[in-house]
PDB file of N, CA and C in Angstrom:
ATOM      1  N   MET A   1     186.942 -41.584 178.707  1.00  0.00           N
ATOM      2  CA  MET A   1     186.539 -42.694 179.530  1.00  0.00           C
ATOM      3  C   MET A   1     187.623 -42.936 180.569  1.00  0.00           C
ATOM      4  N   ASP A   2     187.207 -42.931 181.818  1.00  0.00           N
ATOM      5  CA  ASP A   2     188.097 -43.212 182.944  1.00  0.00           C
ATOM      6  C   ASP A   2     188.104 -44.726 183.145  1.00  0.00           C
ATOM      7  N   ILE A   3     189.173 -45.403 182.687  1.00  0.00           N
ATOM      8  CA  ILE A   3     189.196 -46.862 182.805  1.00  0.00           C
ATOM      9  C   ILE A   3     189.630 -47.326 184.188  1.00  0.00           C
ATOM     10  N   THR A   4     190.099 -46.400 185.019  1.00  0.00           N
ATOM     11  CA  THR A   4     190.435 -46.760 186.395  1.00  0.00           C
ATOM     12  C   THR A   4     189.165 -47.076 187.182  1.00  0.00           C
ATOM     13  N   GLN A   5     188.132 -46.262 186.939  1.00  0.00           N
ATOM     14  CA  GLN A   5     186.875 -46.421 187.661  1.00  0.00           C
ATOM     15  C   GLN A   5     185.756 -46.988 186.788  1.00  0.00           C
ATOM     16  N   GLY A   6     186.035 -47.195 185.500  1.00  0.00           N
ATOM     17  CA  GLY A   6     185.035 -47.758 184.600  1.00  0.00           C
ATOM     18  C   GLY A   6     183.835 -46.861 184.392  1.00  0.00           C
ATOM     19  N   LYS A   7     184.085 -45.551 184.246  1.00  0.00           N
ATOM     20  CA  LYS A   7     182.979 -44.602 184.067  1.00  0.00           C
ATOM     21  C   LYS A   7     183.435 -43.447 183.187  1.00  0.00           C
ATOM     22  N   PRO A   8     182.471 -42.681 182.670  1.00  0.00           N
ATOM     23  CA  PRO A   8     182.850 -41.494 181.893  1.00  0.00           C
ATOM     24  C   PRO A   8     183.628 -40.511 182.759  1.00  0.00           C
ATOM     25  N   GLY A   9     184.574 -39.828 182.163  1.00  0.00           N
ATOM     26  CA  GLY A   9     185.363 -38.823 182.864  1.00  0.00           C
ATOM     27  C   GLY A   9     184.648 -37.485 182.868  1.00  0.00           C
ATOM     28  N   ALA A  10     183.828 -37.242 183.861  1.00  0.00           N
ATOM     29  CA  ALA A  10     183.091 -35.980 183.973  1.00  0.00           C
ATOM     30  C   ALA A  10     183.968 -34.933 184.635  1.00  0.00           C
ATOM     31  N   GLY A  11     183.963 -33.723 184.081  1.00  0.00           N
ATOM     32  CA  GLY A  11     184.716 -32.625 184.666  1.00  0.00           C
ATOM     33  C   GLY A  11     186.151 -32.508 184.176  1.00  0.00           C
ATOM     34  N   VAL A  12     186.471 -33.140 183.054  1.00  0.00           N
ATOM     35  CA  VAL A  12     187.817 -33.047 182.492  1.00  0.00           C
ATOM     36  C   VAL A  12     187.920 -31.765 181.660  1.00  0.00           C
ATOM     37  N   LYS A  13     188.915 -30.943 181.957  1.00  0.00           N
ATOM     38  CA  LYS A  13     189.157 -29.728 181.177  1.00  0.00           C
ATOM     39  C   LYS A  13     189.874 -30.108 179.891  1.00  0.00           C
ATOM     40  N   ILE A  14     189.398 -29.506 178.785  1.00  0.00           N
ATOM     41  CA  ILE A  14     189.949 -29.778 177.461  1.00  0.00           C
ATOM     42  C   ILE A  14     190.238 -28.451 176.775  1.00  0.00           C
ATOM     43  N   ALA A  15     191.373 -28.376 176.092  1.00  0.00           N
ATOM     44  CA  ALA A  15     191.699 -27.212 175.271  1.00  0.00           C
ATOM     45  C   ALA A  15     191.952 -27.692 173.844  1.00  0.00           C
ATOM     46  N   LEU A  16     191.420 -26.971 172.865  1.00  0.00           N
ATOM     47  CA  LEU A  16     191.613 -27.286 171.455  1.00  0.00           C
ATOM     48  C   LEU A  16     192.462 -26.189 170.818  1.00  0.00           C
ATOM     49  N   TYR A  17     193.539 -26.613 170.170  1.00  0.00           N
ATOM     50  CA  TYR A  17     194.453 -25.686 169.510  1.00  0.00           C
ATOM     51  C   TYR A  17     194.516 -25.977 168.021  1.00  0.00           C
ATOM     52  N   SER A  18     194.681 -24.943 167.232  1.00  0.00           N
ATOM     53  CA  SER A  18     195.042 -25.063 165.825  1.00  0.00           C
ATOM     54  C   SER A  18     196.558 -24.965 165.772  1.00  0.00           C
ATOM     55  N   VAL A  19     197.191 -25.811 164.959  1.00  0.00           N
ATOM     56  CA  VAL A  19     198.652 -25.845 164.892  1.00  0.00           C
ATOM     57  C   VAL A  19     199.091 -25.519 163.466  1.00  0.00           C
ATOM     58  N   SER A  20     200.040 -24.574 163.351  1.00  0.00           N
ATOM     59  CA  SER A  20     200.596 -24.203 162.050  1.00  0.00           C
ATOM     60  C   SER A  20     202.093 -23.965 162.202  1.00  0.00           C
ATOM     61  N   ALA A  21     202.739 -23.616 161.117  1.00  0.00           N
ATOM     62  CA  ALA A  21     204.177 -23.334 161.164  1.00  0.00           C
ATOM     63  C   ALA A  21     204.480 -22.165 162.099  1.00  0.00           C
ATOM     64  N   ALA A  22     203.515 -21.281 162.301  1.00  0.00           N
ATOM     65  CA  ALA A  22     203.703 -20.121 163.178  1.00  0.00           C
ATOM     66  C   ALA A  22     203.523 -20.468 164.652  1.00  0.00           C
ATOM     67  N   GLY A  23     203.067 -21.673 164.951  1.00  0.00           N
ATOM     68  CA  GLY A  23     202.844 -22.083 166.342  1.00  0.00           C
ATOM     69  C   GLY A  23     201.451 -22.621 166.535  1.00  0.00           C
ATOM     70  N   ARG A  24     201.002 -22.616 167.777  1.00  0.00           N
ATOM     71  CA  ARG A  24     199.648 -23.099 168.031  1.00  0.00           C
ATOM     72  C   ARG A  24     198.809 -21.975 168.622  1.00  0.00           C
ATOM     73  N   SER A  25     197.523 -22.038 168.336  1.00  0.00           N
ATOM     74  CA  SER A  25     196.594 -20.999 168.754  1.00  0.00           C
ATOM     75  C   SER A  25     195.383 -21.651 169.414  1.00  0.00           C
ATOM     76  N   LEU A  26     195.055 -21.196 170.615  1.00  0.00           N
ATOM     77  CA  LEU A  26     193.893 -21.736 171.327  1.00  0.00           C
ATOM     78  C   LEU A  26     192.618 -21.350 170.598  1.00  0.00           C
ATOM     79  N   LEU A  27     191.812 -22.358 170.249  1.00  0.00           N
ATOM     80  CA  LEU A  27     190.532 -22.117 169.586  1.00  0.00           C
ATOM     81  C   LEU A  27     189.377 -22.134 170.578  1.00  0.00           C
ATOM     82  N   LYS A  28     189.379 -23.134 171.452  1.00  0.00           N
ATOM     83  CA  LYS A  28     188.279 -23.292 172.409  1.00  0.00           C
ATOM     84  C   LYS A  28     188.751 -24.078 173.609  1.00  0.00           C
ATOM     85  N   SER A  29     188.035 -23.907 174.694  1.00  0.00           N
ATOM     86  CA  SER A  29     188.227 -24.773 175.855  1.00  0.00           C
ATOM     87  C   SER A  29     186.847 -25.201 176.332  1.00  0.00           C
ATOM     88  N   ALA A  30     186.816 -26.347 176.981  1.00  0.00           N
ATOM     89  CA  ALA A  30     185.544 -26.907 177.435  1.00  0.00           C
ATOM     90  C   ALA A  30     185.813 -27.822 178.619  1.00  0.00           C
ATOM     91  N   VAL A  31     184.739 -28.250 179.262  1.00  0.00           N
ATOM     92  CA  VAL A  31     184.797 -29.214 180.358  1.00  0.00           C
ATOM     93  C   VAL A  31     183.793 -30.310 180.031  1.00  0.00           C
ATOM     94  N   THR A  32     184.192 -31.564 180.221  1.00  0.00           N
ATOM     95  CA  THR A  32     183.301 -32.668 179.900  1.00  0.00           C
ATOM     96  C   THR A  32     182.115 -32.733 180.859  1.00  0.00           C
ATOM     97  N   ASN A  33     180.993 -33.191 180.324  1.00  0.00           N
ATOM     98  CA  ASN A  33     179.765 -33.322 181.109  1.00  0.00           C
ATOM     99  C   ASN A  33     179.707 -34.685 181.806  1.00  0.00           C
ATOM    100  N   GLN A  34     178.583 -35.026 182.386  1.00  0.00           N
ATOM    101  CA  GLN A  34     178.429 -36.275 183.146  1.00  0.00           C
ATOM    102  C   GLN A  34     178.621 -37.520 182.279  1.00  0.00           C
ATOM    103  N   ASP A  35     178.463 -37.354 180.962  1.00  0.00           N
ATOM    104  CA  ASP A  35     178.658 -38.473 180.040  1.00  0.00           C
ATOM    105  C   ASP A  35     180.098 -38.530 179.523  1.00  0.00           C
ATOM    106  N   GLY A  36     180.970 -37.635 180.039  1.00  0.00           N
ATOM    107  CA  GLY A  36     182.358 -37.620 179.604  1.00  0.00           C
ATOM    108  C   GLY A  36     182.563 -36.990 178.242  1.00  0.00           C
ATOM    109  N   ARG A  37     181.591 -36.223 177.783  1.00  0.00           N
ATOM    110  CA  ARG A  37     181.663 -35.567 176.477  1.00  0.00           C
ATOM    111  C   ARG A  37     181.481 -34.062 176.653  1.00  0.00           C
ATOM    112  N   VAL A  38     181.852 -33.307 175.650  1.00  0.00           N
ATOM    113  CA  VAL A  38     181.545 -31.884 175.682  1.00  0.00           C
ATOM    114  C   VAL A  38     180.109 -31.709 175.195  1.00  0.00           C
ATOM    115  N   ASP A  39     179.470 -30.626 175.617  1.00  0.00           N
ATOM    116  CA  ASP A  39     178.055 -30.431 175.306  1.00  0.00           C
ATOM    117  C   ASP A  39     177.778 -30.111 173.837  1.00  0.00           C
ATOM    118  N   ALA A  40     178.758 -29.556 173.156  1.00  0.00           N
ATOM    119  CA  ALA A  40     178.589 -29.199 171.741  1.00  0.00           C
ATOM    120  C   ALA A  40     179.903 -29.473 171.018  1.00  0.00           C
ATOM    121  N   PRO A  41     179.851 -29.697 169.712  1.00  0.00           N
ATOM    122  CA  PRO A  41     181.095 -29.921 168.972  1.00  0.00           C
ATOM    123  C   PRO A  41     182.064 -28.752 169.171  1.00  0.00           C
ATOM    124  N   LEU A  42     183.344 -29.062 169.277  1.00  0.00           N
ATOM    125  CA  LEU A  42     184.339 -27.999 169.433  1.00  0.00           C
ATOM    126  C   LEU A  42     184.563 -27.250 168.124  1.00  0.00           C
ATOM    127  N   LEU A  43     184.372 -27.930 167.012  1.00  0.00           N
ATOM    128  CA  LEU A  43     184.433 -27.298 165.693  1.00  0.00           C
ATOM    129  C   LEU A  43     183.186 -27.685 164.921  1.00  0.00           C
ATOM    130  N   GLN A  44     182.561 -26.702 164.328  1.00  0.00           N
ATOM    131  CA  GLN A  44     181.396 -26.987 163.487  1.00  0.00           C
ATOM    132  C   GLN A  44     181.226 -25.877 162.465  1.00  0.00           C
ATOM    133  N   GLY A  45     180.538 -26.198 161.382  1.00  0.00           N
ATOM    134  CA  GLY A  45     180.302 -25.213 160.331  1.00  0.00           C
ATOM    135  C   GLY A  45     181.596 -24.691 159.741  1.00  0.00           C
ATOM    136  N   GLU A  46     181.698 -23.376 159.619  1.00  0.00           N
ATOM    137  CA  GLU A  46     182.873 -22.729 159.029  1.00  0.00           C
ATOM    138  C   GLU A  46     184.131 -22.894 159.879  1.00  0.00           C
ATOM    139  N   GLU A  47     183.971 -23.200 161.169  1.00  0.00           N
ATOM    140  CA  GLU A  47     185.128 -23.421 162.041  1.00  0.00           C
ATOM    141  C   GLU A  47     185.904 -24.683 161.650  1.00  0.00           C
ATOM    142  N   MET A  48     185.204 -25.631 161.058  1.00  0.00           N
ATOM    143  CA  MET A  48     185.811 -26.909 160.683  1.00  0.00           C
ATOM    144  C   MET A  48     186.652 -26.706 159.433  1.00  0.00           C
ATOM    145  N   GLN A  49     187.964 -26.741 159.599  1.00  0.00           N
ATOM    146  CA  GLN A  49     188.897 -26.491 158.507  1.00  0.00           C
ATOM    147  C   GLN A  49     189.910 -27.628 158.410  1.00  0.00           C
ATOM    148  N   VAL A  50     190.351 -27.918 157.201  1.00  0.00           N
ATOM    149  CA  VAL A  50     191.442 -28.863 157.004  1.00  0.00           C
ATOM    150  C   VAL A  50     192.668 -28.294 157.713  1.00  0.00           C
ATOM    151  N   GLY A  51     193.372 -29.143 158.462  1.00  0.00           N
ATOM    152  CA  GLY A  51     194.565 -28.668 159.137  1.00  0.00           C
ATOM    153  C   GLY A  51     194.995 -29.559 160.280  1.00  0.00           C
ATOM    154  N   GLN A  52     195.986 -29.080 161.015  1.00  0.00           N
ATOM    155  CA  GLN A  52     196.537 -29.792 162.156  1.00  0.00           C
ATOM    156  C   GLN A  52     195.998 -29.180 163.445  1.00  0.00           C
ATOM    157  N   TYR A  53     195.684 -30.053 164.416  1.00  0.00           N
ATOM    158  CA  TYR A  53     195.093 -29.620 165.677  1.00  0.00           C
ATOM    159  C   TYR A  53     195.713 -30.387 166.837  1.00  0.00           C
ATOM    160  N   GLU A  54     195.510 -29.859 168.034  1.00  0.00           N
ATOM    161  CA  GLU A  54     195.867 -30.556 169.260  1.00  0.00           C
ATOM    162  C   GLU A  54     194.736 -30.417 170.258  1.00  0.00           C
ATOM    163  N   LEU A  55     194.391 -31.519 170.878  1.00  0.00           N
ATOM    164  CA  LEU A  55     193.482 -31.526 172.024  1.00  0.00           C
ATOM    165  C   LEU A  55     194.335 -31.803 173.253  1.00  0.00           C
ATOM    166  N   VAL A  56     194.194 -30.983 174.277  1.00  0.00           N
ATOM    167  CA  VAL A  56     194.942 -31.175 175.512  1.00  0.00           C
ATOM    168  C   VAL A  56     193.936 -31.451 176.625  1.00  0.00           C
ATOM    169  N   PHE A  57     194.018 -32.662 177.177  1.00  0.00           N
ATOM    170  CA  PHE A  57     193.127 -33.106 178.248  1.00  0.00           C
ATOM    171  C   PHE A  57     193.860 -32.971 179.580  1.00  0.00           C
ATOM    172  N   SER A  58     193.267 -32.331 180.560  1.00  0.00           N
ATOM    173  CA  SER A  58     193.861 -32.188 181.904  1.00  0.00           C
ATOM    174  C   SER A  58     193.533 -33.422 182.733  1.00  0.00           C
ATOM    175  N   ALA A  59     194.089 -34.545 182.324  1.00  0.00           N
ATOM    176  CA  ALA A  59     193.781 -35.836 182.949  1.00  0.00           C
ATOM    177  C   ALA A  59     194.290 -35.917 184.384  1.00  0.00           C
ATOM    178  N   GLY A  60     195.487 -35.421 184.637  1.00  0.00           N
ATOM    179  CA  GLY A  60     196.039 -35.475 185.986  1.00  0.00           C
ATOM    180  C   GLY A  60     195.190 -34.722 186.990  1.00  0.00           C
ATOM    181  N   ASP A  61     194.714 -33.538 186.602  1.00  0.00           N
ATOM    182  CA  ASP A  61     193.830 -32.763 187.488  1.00  0.00           C
ATOM    183  C   ASP A  61     192.525 -33.521 187.735  1.00  0.00           C
ATOM    184  N   TYR A  62     192.017 -34.162 186.685  1.00  0.00           N
ATOM    185  CA  TYR A  62     190.793 -34.959 186.842  1.00  0.00           C
ATOM    186  C   TYR A  62     191.005 -36.077 187.859  1.00  0.00           C
ATOM    187  N   PHE A  63     192.074 -36.865 187.705  1.00  0.00           N
ATOM    188  CA  PHE A  63     192.303 -37.979 188.634  1.00  0.00           C
ATOM    189  C   PHE A  63     192.542 -37.484 190.052  1.00  0.00           C
ATOM    190  N   ALA A  64     193.225 -36.370 190.200  1.00  0.00           N
ATOM    191  CA  ALA A  64     193.426 -35.792 191.538  1.00  0.00           C
ATOM    192  C   ALA A  64     192.076 -35.408 192.157  1.00  0.00           C
ATOM    193  N   SER A  65     191.166 -34.867 191.338  1.00  0.00           N
ATOM    194  CA  SER A  65     189.842 -34.481 191.853  1.00  0.00           C
ATOM    195  C   SER A  65     188.999 -35.694 192.249  1.00  0.00           C
ATOM    196  N   GLN A  66     189.368 -36.875 191.752  1.00  0.00           N
ATOM    197  CA  GLN A  66     188.657 -38.107 192.080  1.00  0.00           C
ATOM    198  C   GLN A  66     189.214 -38.770 193.339  1.00  0.00           C
ATOM    199  N   GLY A  67     190.231 -38.143 193.939  1.00  0.00           N
ATOM    200  CA  GLY A  67     190.820 -38.683 195.155  1.00  0.00           C
ATOM    201  C   GLY A  67     191.797 -39.820 194.916  1.00  0.00           C
ATOM    202  N   ILE A  68     192.248 -39.969 193.684  1.00  0.00           N
ATOM    203  CA  ILE A  68     193.186 -41.036 193.361  1.00  0.00           C
ATOM    204  C   ILE A  68     194.589 -40.602 193.785  1.00  0.00           C
ATOM    205  N   ASP A  69     195.285 -41.479 194.487  1.00  0.00           N
ATOM    206  CA  ASP A  69     196.644 -41.200 194.964  1.00  0.00           C
ATOM    207  C   ASP A  69     197.589 -41.214 193.770  1.00  0.00           C
ATOM    208  N   LEU A  70     198.156 -40.059 193.448  1.00  0.00           N
ATOM    209  CA  LEU A  70     199.036 -39.920 192.288  1.00  0.00           C
ATOM    210  C   LEU A  70     200.453 -39.599 192.732  1.00  0.00           C
ATOM    211  N   PRO A  71     201.444 -40.081 191.991  1.00  0.00           N
ATOM    212  CA  PRO A  71     202.824 -39.737 192.331  1.00  0.00           C
ATOM    213  C   PRO A  71     203.123 -38.283 191.959  1.00  0.00           C
ATOM    214  N   THR A  72     204.209 -37.758 192.497  1.00  0.00           N
ATOM    215  CA  THR A  72     204.671 -36.425 192.133  1.00  0.00           C
ATOM    216  C   THR A  72     206.058 -36.567 191.540  1.00  0.00           C
ATOM    217  N   PRO A  73     206.272 -36.188 190.292  1.00  0.00           N
ATOM    218  CA  PRO A  73     205.265 -35.672 189.379  1.00  0.00           C
ATOM    219  C   PRO A  73     204.360 -36.790 188.857  1.00  0.00           C
ATOM    220  N   ARG A  74     203.222 -36.382 188.324  1.00  0.00           N
ATOM    221  CA  ARG A  74     202.254 -37.347 187.789  1.00  0.00           C
ATOM    222  C   ARG A  74     202.820 -38.024 186.544  1.00  0.00           C
ATOM    223  N   PHE A  75     202.560 -39.320 186.400  1.00  0.00           N
ATOM    224  CA  PHE A  75     203.000 -40.030 185.207  1.00  0.00           C
ATOM    225  C   PHE A  75     202.195 -39.566 183.992  1.00  0.00           C
ATOM    226  N   VAL A  76     200.861 -39.602 184.080  1.00  0.00           N
ATOM    227  CA  VAL A  76     199.991 -39.033 183.056  1.00  0.00           C
ATOM    228  C   VAL A  76     199.395 -37.770 183.659  1.00  0.00           C
ATOM    229  N   ASP A  77     199.684 -36.646 183.036  1.00  0.00           N
ATOM    230  CA  ASP A  77     199.175 -35.372 183.551  1.00  0.00           C
ATOM    231  C   ASP A  77     198.317 -34.703 182.483  1.00  0.00           C
ATOM    232  N   ARG A  78     198.934 -33.953 181.603  1.00  0.00           N
ATOM    233  CA  ARG A  78     198.204 -33.375 180.475  1.00  0.00           C
ATOM    234  C   ARG A  78     198.434 -34.277 179.263  1.00  0.00           C
ATOM    235  N   VAL A  79     197.362 -34.781 178.706  1.00  0.00           N
ATOM    236  CA  VAL A  79     197.447 -35.653 177.532  1.00  0.00           C
ATOM    237  C   VAL A  79     197.205 -34.794 176.295  1.00  0.00           C
ATOM    238  N   THR A  80     198.206 -34.734 175.429  1.00  0.00           N
ATOM    239  CA  THR A  80     198.098 -33.960 174.195  1.00  0.00           C
ATOM    240  C   THR A  80     197.938 -34.916 173.026  1.00  0.00           C
ATOM    241  N   LEU A  81     196.836 -34.766 172.318  1.00  0.00           N
ATOM    242  CA  LEU A  81     196.571 -35.581 171.132  1.00  0.00           C
ATOM    243  C   LEU A  81     196.707 -34.686 169.907  1.00  0.00           C
ATOM    244  N   ALA A  82     197.730 -34.940 169.111  1.00  0.00           N
ATOM    245  CA  ALA A  82     197.942 -34.203 167.866  1.00  0.00           C
ATOM    246  C   ALA A  82     197.274 -34.990 166.747  1.00  0.00           C
ATOM    247  N   PHE A  83     196.429 -34.323 165.982  1.00  0.00           N
ATOM    248  CA  PHE A  83     195.700 -35.009 164.917  1.00  0.00           C
ATOM    249  C   PHE A  83     195.444 -34.049 163.765  1.00  0.00           C
ATOM    250  N   GLY A  84     195.123 -34.618 162.628  1.00  0.00           N
ATOM    251  CA  GLY A  84     194.834 -33.814 161.450  1.00  0.00           C
ATOM    252  C   GLY A  84     193.405 -33.997 160.986  1.00  0.00           C
ATOM    253  N   ILE A  85     192.862 -32.944 160.439  1.00  0.00           N
ATOM    254  CA  ILE A  85     191.546 -32.997 159.782  1.00  0.00           C
ATOM    255  C   ILE A  85     191.815 -32.877 158.289  1.00  0.00           C
ATOM    256  N   ALA A  86     191.540 -33.953 157.584  1.00  0.00           N
ATOM    257  CA  ALA A  86     191.776 -33.988 156.142  1.00  0.00           C
ATOM    258  C   ALA A  86     190.509 -33.659 155.356  1.00  0.00           C
ATOM    259  N   HIS A  87     189.348 -33.902 155.974  1.00  0.00           N
ATOM    260  CA  HIS A  87     188.069 -33.704 155.291  1.00  0.00           C
ATOM    261  C   HIS A  87     187.142 -32.898 156.196  1.00  0.00           C
ATOM    262  N   ALA A  88     187.046 -31.613 155.942  1.00  0.00           N
ATOM    263  CA  ALA A  88     186.271 -30.717 156.801  1.00  0.00           C
ATOM    264  C   ALA A  88     184.771 -31.010 156.752  1.00  0.00           C
ATOM    265  N   ASP A  89     184.329 -31.791 155.798  1.00  0.00           N
ATOM    266  CA  ASP A  89     182.909 -32.118 155.691  1.00  0.00           C
ATOM    267  C   ASP A  89     182.539 -33.403 156.440  1.00  0.00           C
ATOM    268  N   GLN A  90     183.505 -34.000 157.150  1.00  0.00           N
ATOM    269  CA  GLN A  90     183.245 -35.226 157.897  1.00  0.00           C
ATOM    270  C   GLN A  90     183.225 -34.958 159.395  1.00  0.00           C
ATOM    271  N   ASN A  91     182.701 -35.927 160.141  1.00  0.00           N
ATOM    272  CA  ASN A  91     182.666 -35.847 161.593  1.00  0.00           C
ATOM    273  C   ASN A  91     183.975 -36.383 162.162  1.00  0.00           C
ATOM    274  N   TYR A  92     184.545 -35.674 163.119  1.00  0.00           N
ATOM    275  CA  TYR A  92     185.753 -36.123 163.810  1.00  0.00           C
ATOM    276  C   TYR A  92     185.452 -36.177 165.303  1.00  0.00           C
ATOM    277  N   HIS A  93     185.334 -37.377 165.817  1.00  0.00           N
ATOM    278  CA  HIS A  93     185.129 -37.616 167.251  1.00  0.00           C
ATOM    279  C   HIS A  93     186.443 -38.179 167.764  1.00  0.00           C
ATOM    280  N   VAL A  94     187.060 -37.505 168.742  1.00  0.00           N
ATOM    281  CA  VAL A  94     188.383 -37.908 169.227  1.00  0.00           C
ATOM    282  C   VAL A  94     188.273 -38.248 170.714  1.00  0.00           C
ATOM    283  N   PRO A  95     187.908 -39.481 171.036  1.00  0.00           N
ATOM    284  CA  PRO A  95     187.764 -39.878 172.436  1.00  0.00           C
ATOM    285  C   PRO A  95     189.108 -40.207 173.079  1.00  0.00           C
ATOM    286  N   LEU A  96     189.142 -40.084 174.386  1.00  0.00           N
ATOM    287  CA  LEU A  96     190.321 -40.438 175.165  1.00  0.00           C
ATOM    288  C   LEU A  96     189.919 -41.499 176.177  1.00  0.00           C
ATOM    289  N   VAL A  97     190.656 -42.601 176.187  1.00  0.00           N
ATOM    290  CA  VAL A  97     190.500 -43.656 177.180  1.00  0.00           C
ATOM    291  C   VAL A  97     191.745 -43.540 178.049  1.00  0.00           C
ATOM    292  N   VAL A  98     191.564 -43.298 179.370  1.00  0.00           N
ATOM    293  CA  VAL A  98     192.706 -42.886 180.173  1.00  0.00           C
ATOM    294  C   VAL A  98     192.681 -43.463 181.588  1.00  0.00           C
ATOM    295  N   SER A  99     193.871 -43.681 182.105  1.00  0.00           N
ATOM    296  CA  SER A  99     194.082 -44.026 183.512  1.00  0.00           C
ATOM    297  C   SER A  99     195.267 -43.171 183.973  1.00  0.00           C
ATOM    298  N   PRO A 100     195.610 -43.196 185.246  1.00  0.00           N
ATOM    299  CA  PRO A 100     196.796 -42.446 185.676  1.00  0.00           C
ATOM    300  C   PRO A 100     198.100 -42.997 185.094  1.00  0.00           C
ATOM    301  N   TRP A 101     198.031 -44.154 184.409  1.00  0.00           N
ATOM    302  CA  TRP A 101     199.243 -44.821 183.925  1.00  0.00           C
ATOM    303  C   TRP A 101     199.291 -45.018 182.419  1.00  0.00           C
ATOM    304  N   SER A 102     198.196 -44.787 181.732  1.00  0.00           N
ATOM    305  CA  SER A 102     198.195 -44.996 180.285  1.00  0.00           C
ATOM    306  C   SER A 102     197.017 -44.288 179.644  1.00  0.00           C
ATOM    307  N   TYR A 103     197.077 -44.169 178.308  1.00  0.00           N
ATOM    308  CA  TYR A 103     195.938 -43.619 177.574  1.00  0.00           C
ATOM    309  C   TYR A 103     195.966 -44.137 176.146  1.00  0.00           C
ATOM    310  N   SER A 104     194.806 -44.029 175.510  1.00  0.00           N
ATOM    311  CA  SER A 104     194.643 -44.442 174.133  1.00  0.00           C
ATOM    312  C   SER A 104     193.573 -43.569 173.498  1.00  0.00           C
ATOM    313  N   THR A 105     193.619 -43.480 172.186  1.00  0.00           N
ATOM    314  CA  THR A 105     192.602 -42.722 171.465  1.00  0.00           C
ATOM    315  C   THR A 105     192.333 -43.412 170.133  1.00  0.00           C
ATOM    316  N   TYR A 106     191.319 -42.968 169.461  1.00  0.00           N
ATOM    317  CA  TYR A 106     190.965 -43.481 168.141  1.00  0.00           C
ATOM    318  C   TYR A 106     190.038 -42.464 167.497  1.00  0.00           C
ATOM    319  N   ARG A 107     189.820 -42.586 166.210  1.00  0.00           N
ATOM    320  CA  ARG A 107     188.842 -41.723 165.550  1.00  0.00           C
ATOM    321  C   ARG A 107     187.488 -42.403 165.682  1.00  0.00           C
ATOM    322  N   GLY A 108     186.666 -41.853 166.522  1.00  0.00           N
ATOM    323  CA  GLY A 108     185.344 -42.416 166.763  1.00  0.00           C
ATOM    324  C   GLY A 108     184.342 -41.974 165.723  1.00  0.00           C
ATOM    325  N   SER A 109     183.123 -42.413 165.898  1.00  0.00           N
ATOM    326  CA  SER A 109     182.067 -42.064 164.945  1.00  0.00           C
ATOM    327  C   SER A 109     181.120 -41.040 165.530  1.00  0.00           C
TER     328      SER A 109
END
């Protein structure tokens, strides 16, 4: 959600990584649709595993594409959300509420 303009963040690039002691590994990348969501779950079925993950949102590129005047360097650029999946049989919705100056997240439904 783009709270600067009060609308869904359409066109935000997202990368999903699995994180382990050996490092992080890119699992998927996607771009948000007109509703500010990805078209399909990033993990589903056998892909959904207990573990540590990171979602990286290209928020700075999104705000630049909206014509918003941003400082150099950008205060909020790539937003990395590190989170864990403890129950692979549950739904994990990880929304981002963002502006060029702040962001927040929560486990959605």
